[in-house]
């Protein structure tokens, strides 16, 4: 019996290193790839779509970068093709060799998609964000790009110059906006639905030196004192909406102001032609 116990202990002693080796191999079976996606200015591109081929079993089908343009992927050793895409940027595919279990950091820079010559857009119509999240100017040179993220601010809007291949952030919004380009591609109107109860309307220029124009500020100077006072009463309702309707002429925008509440239990709808300051387009 004693010899049997000794034999068993010897076998266990011989098997243990082999078992530990198998366990170590089982644990260290994948390594991480940290992908950083940037634009030509060095800013991270959020929500860029990433595809990896061949796709490891542990990698989900839909991959996208975080709000700072980063994505971490766990992969086994091997060779992979990483493809990165984002609206208005040219698609990039990069070959990645994973030969050791040392984590890798991969930087990918996306270039703005070429538009020379820029495509023409024949219609000027309202575009809804975030559903469509892109609105190209009538002359094709500019694009308004919506970028969403999983943390605040949840929605950001960028103006992209497709000819010079650069972009700048315009503003953030919380819920929903509707955008409408002017036919000359120099101005665009934005209706920002702040919540289910109200909205505001602003006009932006592609010229970054021109500050946004608030429609109600223009109306307060354009209308008579009595008419403006009455409009302010309407706007005090629990539900009040200021919405861009149509560009009307070279320097005017037709807006609709509507709502209902204690001041107007039956509701109201009025239209105003907003005359923009000349020479600011």
Protein backbone atom coordinates (compact mmCIF):
# COMPACT_ATOMS: atom_id res chain seq x y z
CA UNK A 1 0.00 0.00 0.00
CA UNK A 2 2.85 2.33 0.87
CA UNK A 3 4.51 1.67 -2.50
CA UNK A 4 1.16 2.40 -4.24
CA UNK A 5 0.87 5.77 -2.48
CA UNK A 6 4.42 6.64 -3.40
CA UNK A 7 3.72 5.69 -7.02
CA UNK A 8 0.60 7.85 -7.11
CA UNK A 9 2.47 10.83 -5.67
CA UNK A 10 5.21 10.40 -8.25
CA UNK A 11 2.65 10.35 -11.09
CA UNK A 12 0.92 13.43 -9.69
CA UNK A 13 4.27 15.19 -9.43
CA UNK A 14 5.00 14.39 -13.06
CA UNK A 15 1.56 15.43 -14.30
CA UNK A 16 1.29 18.73 -12.43
CA UNK A 17 3.82 20.69 -14.57
CA UNK A 18 2.13 19.41 -17.71
CA UNK A 19 -1.30 20.48 -16.40
CA UNK A 20 -0.01 23.91 -15.44
CA UNK A 21 1.46 24.30 -18.94
CA UNK A 22 -1.90 23.42 -20.51
CA UNK A 23 -3.70 25.88 -18.21
CA UNK A 24 -1.24 28.63 -19.06
CA UNK A 25 -1.73 27.99 -22.74
CA UNK A 26 -5.49 28.09 -22.27
CA UNK A 27 -5.35 31.42 -20.42
CA UNK A 28 -2.81 33.11 -22.73
CA UNK A 29 -4.61 32.41 -25.97
CA UNK A 30 -5.34 35.99 -27.12
CA UNK A 31 -3.77 39.41 -27.05
CA UNK A 32 -5.14 42.91 -27.38
CA UNK A 33 -5.02 45.33 -30.28
CA UNK A 34 -5.61 48.97 -29.35
CA UNK A 35 -6.83 50.81 -32.43
CA UNK A 36 -6.77 54.61 -32.55
CA UNK A 37 -8.60 56.27 -35.46
CA UNK A 38 -7.88 59.96 -36.16
CA UNK A 39 -8.58 62.54 -38.84
CA UNK A 40 -5.88 64.59 -40.54
CA UNK A 41 -5.89 67.15 -37.72
CA UNK A 42 -5.11 64.46 -35.15
CA UNK A 43 -8.56 64.47 -33.57
CA UNK A 44 -10.10 61.10 -32.70
CA UNK A 45 -13.01 59.97 -34.87
CA UNK A 46 -15.86 58.54 -32.77
CA UNK A 47 -18.21 55.82 -34.04
CA UNK A 48 -15.94 54.81 -36.91
CA UNK A 49 -17.02 51.37 -38.16
CA UNK A 50 -14.33 48.69 -37.87
CA UNK A 51 -14.29 45.29 -39.62
CA UNK A 52 -11.73 42.55 -38.87
CA UNK A 53 -11.14 39.65 -41.28
CA UNK A 54 -10.98 36.81 -40.42
CA UNK A 55 -13.27 37.59 -37.52
CA UNK A 56 -12.27 35.84 -34.27
CA UNK A 57 -15.04 33.96 -32.48
CA UNK A 58 -14.91 36.31 -29.49
CA UNK A 59 -15.30 39.49 -31.59
CA UNK A 60 -18.80 40.86 -32.10
CA UNK A 61 -20.04 41.66 -35.60
CA UNK A 62 -20.47 45.43 -35.14
CA UNK A 63 -17.37 47.22 -33.92
CA UNK A 64 -17.03 51.00 -33.59
CA UNK A 65 -14.64 53.41 -31.96
CA UNK A 66 -15.43 55.19 -28.70
CA UNK A 67 -15.97 58.92 -28.28
CA UNK A 68 -12.19 59.49 -28.38
CA UNK A 69 -11.69 57.36 -31.50
CA UNK A 70 -10.34 54.24 -29.77
CA UNK A 71 -11.23 50.54 -29.89
CA UNK A 72 -9.67 47.55 -28.09
CA UNK A 73 -9.97 44.08 -29.67
CA UNK A 74 -8.85 40.73 -28.23
CA UNK A 75 -7.53 38.41 -30.96
CA UNK A 76 -5.56 35.13 -31.19
CA UNK A 77 -2.21 35.03 -32.92
CA UNK A 78 -2.51 35.39 -36.69
CA UNK A 79 -2.85 37.79 -39.62
CA UNK A 80 -5.83 40.14 -39.93
CA UNK A 81 -7.18 42.81 -42.27
CA UNK A 82 -8.63 45.80 -40.39
CA UNK A 83 -11.01 48.00 -42.39
CA UNK A 84 -12.08 51.36 -40.95
CA UNK A 85 -14.91 53.50 -42.34
CA UNK A 86 -16.62 56.71 -41.28
CA UNK A 87 -19.06 59.04 -43.11
CA UNK A 88 -17.32 61.46 -45.51
CA UNK A 89 -13.92 59.77 -45.01
CA UNK A 90 -12.14 57.47 -47.44
CA UNK A 91 -12.14 53.82 -46.34
CA UNK A 92 -8.82 52.43 -45.05
CA UNK A 93 -7.74 48.76 -44.88
CA UNK A 94 -4.59 47.79 -42.99
CA UNK A 95 -2.86 44.41 -42.63
CA UNK A 96 -2.01 43.52 -39.03
CA UNK A 97 0.35 40.71 -38.02
CA UNK A 98 -0.14 39.40 -34.48
CA UNK A 99 2.85 37.14 -33.84
CA UNK A 100 3.34 37.52 -30.09
CA UNK A 101 1.13 37.98 -27.05
CA UNK A 102 2.43 41.51 -26.55
CA UNK A 103 -0.40 44.08 -26.90
CA UNK A 104 -0.19 46.21 -30.04
CA UNK A 105 -1.17 49.83 -30.62
CA UNK A 106 -2.26 50.69 -34.17
CA UNK A 107 -2.85 54.24 -35.40
CA UNK A 108 -5.01 54.81 -38.48
CA UNK A 109 -5.57 58.21 -40.06
CA UNK A 110 -8.62 58.72 -42.24
CA UNK A 111 -8.56 61.29 -45.00
CA UNK A 112 -11.59 63.28 -46.07
CA UNK A 113 -13.08 61.71 -49.18
CA UNK A 114 -12.08 63.56 -52.30
CA UNK A 115 -14.67 65.68 -54.08
CA UNK A 116 -12.86 67.13 -57.08
CA UNK A 117 -15.04 67.92 -58.83
CA UNK A 118 -17.58 68.01 -56.01
CA UNK A 119 -20.92 66.40 -56.85
CA UNK A 120 -23.84 68.76 -57.39
CA UNK A 121 -26.99 68.51 -55.30
CA UNK A 122 -30.04 69.67 -57.22
CA UNK A 123 -32.52 70.04 -54.35
CA UNK A 124 -32.46 72.02 -51.12
CA UNK A 125 -34.54 70.17 -48.55
CA UNK A 126 -34.68 69.66 -44.78
CA UNK A 127 -32.40 66.95 -43.41
CA UNK A 128 -33.12 65.33 -40.07
CA UNK A 129 -30.41 64.53 -37.52
CA UNK A 130 -29.49 62.10 -36.04
CA UNK A 131 -31.49 59.83 -38.39
CA UNK A 132 -29.69 60.87 -41.57
CA UNK A 133 -26.69 62.56 -39.95
CA UNK A 134 -25.30 64.13 -43.12
CA UNK A 135 -26.36 67.08 -45.26
CA UNK A 136 -24.31 68.09 -48.29
CA UNK A 137 -24.46 71.70 -49.51
CA UNK A 138 -26.11 72.39 -52.90
CA UNK A 139 -22.72 73.00 -54.56
CA UNK A 140 -21.30 69.80 -53.04
CA UNK A 141 -18.36 71.54 -51.36
CA UNK A 142 -19.53 71.33 -47.76
CA UNK A 143 -21.12 68.63 -45.65
CA UNK A 144 -22.74 68.87 -42.24
CA UNK A 145 -21.76 65.70 -40.40
CA UNK A 146 -23.52 64.37 -37.29
CA UNK A 147 -21.41 62.33 -34.88
CA UNK A 148 -22.98 60.42 -32.00
CA UNK A 149 -21.30 59.02 -28.90
CA UNK A 150 -22.22 56.96 -25.88
CA UNK A 151 -21.45 59.77 -23.42
CA UNK A 152 -22.28 63.45 -23.15
CA UNK A 153 -22.47 65.37 -25.36
CA UNK A 154 -24.37 62.65 -27.19
CA UNK A 155 -24.70 64.50 -30.51
CA UNK A 156 -22.09 66.74 -32.14
CA UNK A 157 -22.28 68.54 -35.49
CA UNK A 158 -19.28 69.26 -37.70
CA UNK A 159 -18.89 71.40 -40.82
CA UNK A 160 -16.65 69.70 -43.33
CA UNK A 161 -14.94 71.46 -46.22
CA UNK A 162 -14.73 68.61 -48.71
CA UNK A 163 -12.51 70.57 -51.07
CA UNK A 164 -9.84 71.59 -48.57
CA UNK A 165 -10.30 68.38 -46.58
CA UNK A 166 -10.80 69.80 -43.10
CA UNK A 167 -13.61 69.98 -40.59
CA UNK A 168 -14.55 72.00 -37.51
CA UNK A 169 -17.05 71.39 -34.75
CA UNK A 170 -20.08 73.69 -34.82
CA UNK A 171 -22.26 72.79 -31.84
CA UNK A 172 -23.75 70.02 -29.72
CA UNK A 173 -27.42 69.16 -29.39
CA UNK A 174 -29.42 66.98 -27.02
CA UNK A 175 -32.36 65.50 -28.88
CA UNK A 176 -33.10 66.23 -32.53
CA UNK A 177 -32.38 68.87 -35.17
CA UNK A 178 -33.54 69.62 -38.72
CA UNK A 179 -31.08 71.35 -41.05
CA UNK A 180 -31.72 73.21 -44.31
CA UNK A 181 -29.07 74.61 -46.66
CA UNK A 182 -29.50 77.91 -48.50
CA UNK A 183 -29.15 77.57 -52.28
CA UNK A 184 -25.89 79.57 -52.35
CA UNK A 185 -24.23 77.01 -50.00
CA UNK A 186 -23.05 79.80 -47.68
CA UNK A 187 -25.76 79.63 -45.01
CA UNK A 188 -27.87 76.92 -43.41
CA UNK A 189 -30.75 77.07 -40.96
CA UNK A 190 -30.96 74.75 -37.96
CA UNK A 191 -34.14 73.98 -36.03
CA UNK A 192 -33.11 72.54 -32.68
CA UNK A 193 -35.83 70.60 -30.84
CA UNK A 194 -34.64 71.02 -27.27
CA UNK A 195 -37.36 68.71 -26.00
CA UNK A 196 -40.90 67.68 -26.74
CA UNK A 197 -42.14 71.12 -25.67
CA UNK A 198 -40.07 73.67 -27.56
CA UNK A 199 -37.56 74.39 -30.31
CA UNK A 200 -35.32 77.22 -31.41
CA UNK A 201 -34.03 78.28 -34.80
CA UNK A 202 -30.57 79.57 -35.75
CA UNK A 203 -28.68 80.42 -38.93
CA UNK A 204 -25.05 79.41 -39.41
CA UNK A 205 -22.48 80.50 -41.97
CA UNK A 206 -19.70 78.41 -43.51
CA UNK A 207 -17.48 81.38 -42.67
CA UNK A 208 -16.22 80.65 -39.15
CA UNK A 209 -15.72 84.38 -38.47
CA UNK A 210 -19.48 84.98 -38.77
CA UNK A 211 -21.32 84.20 -35.49
CA UNK A 212 -24.61 82.27 -35.57
CA UNK A 213 -27.77 84.34 -35.97
CA UNK A 214 -30.63 83.65 -33.55
CA UNK A 215 -33.99 84.05 -35.31
CA UNK A 216 -35.81 85.46 -32.29
CA UNK A 217 -33.09 88.08 -31.80
CA UNK A 218 -33.63 89.26 -35.39
CA UNK A 219 -37.41 89.29 -35.00
CA UNK A 220 -37.21 91.30 -31.78
CA UNK A 221 -35.52 94.10 -33.75
CA UNK A 222 -37.54 93.66 -36.92
CA UNK A 223 -41.09 93.63 -35.52
CA UNK A 224 -42.96 96.53 -34.03
CA UNK A 225 -43.03 96.78 -30.26
CA UNK A 226 -46.70 95.71 -30.07
CA UNK A 227 -46.24 92.73 -32.42
CA UNK A 228 -43.13 91.56 -30.59
CA UNK A 229 -44.92 91.81 -27.25
CA UNK A 230 -47.75 89.64 -28.58
CA UNK A 231 -45.27 87.11 -29.98
CA UNK A 232 -43.51 86.92 -26.61
CA UNK A 233 -46.87 86.06 -25.04
CA UNK A 234 -47.22 83.17 -27.49
CA UNK A 235 -43.70 82.02 -26.71
CA UNK A 236 -44.50 81.86 -22.99
CA UNK A 237 -46.67 78.81 -23.65
CA UNK A 238 -45.63 75.42 -22.36
CA UNK A 239 -45.33 74.29 -25.99
CA UNK A 240 -43.69 76.78 -28.36
CA UNK A 241 -41.86 75.95 -31.56
CA UNK A 242 -39.72 78.16 -33.82
CA UNK A 243 -39.02 76.29 -37.07
CA UNK A 244 -37.31 77.13 -40.36
CA UNK A 245 -39.72 76.61 -43.27
CA UNK A 246 -38.09 77.76 -46.51
CA UNK A 247 -35.39 80.09 -47.74
CA UNK A 248 -37.23 82.98 -49.36
CA UNK A 249 -35.14 85.29 -51.52
CA UNK A 250 -31.50 86.27 -51.25
CA UNK A 251 -31.49 87.37 -47.60
CA UNK A 252 -34.67 86.12 -45.98
CA UNK A 253 -35.94 82.98 -44.30
CA UNK A 254 -39.57 82.06 -43.72
CA UNK A 255 -40.14 80.66 -40.24
CA UNK A 256 -43.15 79.14 -38.56
CA UNK A 257 -43.88 79.87 -34.90
CA UNK A 258 -46.55 77.72 -33.30
CA UNK A 259 -47.63 76.24 -30.00
CA UNK A 260 -50.27 76.01 -27.33
CA UNK A 261 -50.64 76.35 -23.58
CA UNK A 262 -52.17 78.59 -20.93
CA UNK A 263 -51.70 81.71 -23.06
CA UNK A 264 -53.27 80.03 -26.13
CA UNK A 265 -55.41 77.05 -25.08
CA UNK A 266 -56.62 76.51 -28.65
CA UNK A 267 -53.15 76.85 -30.11
CA UNK A 268 -51.62 79.30 -32.60
CA UNK A 269 -49.60 79.20 -35.82
CA UNK A 270 -47.97 82.24 -37.39
CA UNK A 271 -45.45 82.74 -40.19
CA UNK A 272 -42.75 85.40 -40.28
CA UNK A 273 -40.31 86.47 -42.97
CA UNK A 274 -36.98 87.02 -41.24
CA UNK A 275 -34.79 89.55 -43.03
CA UNK A 276 -31.15 88.70 -42.47
CA UNK A 277 -28.45 91.33 -42.00
CA UNK A 278 -26.96 92.06 -45.43
CA UNK A 279 -23.40 91.17 -46.30
CA UNK A 280 -23.05 88.42 -43.71
CA UNK A 281 -23.20 85.38 -45.90
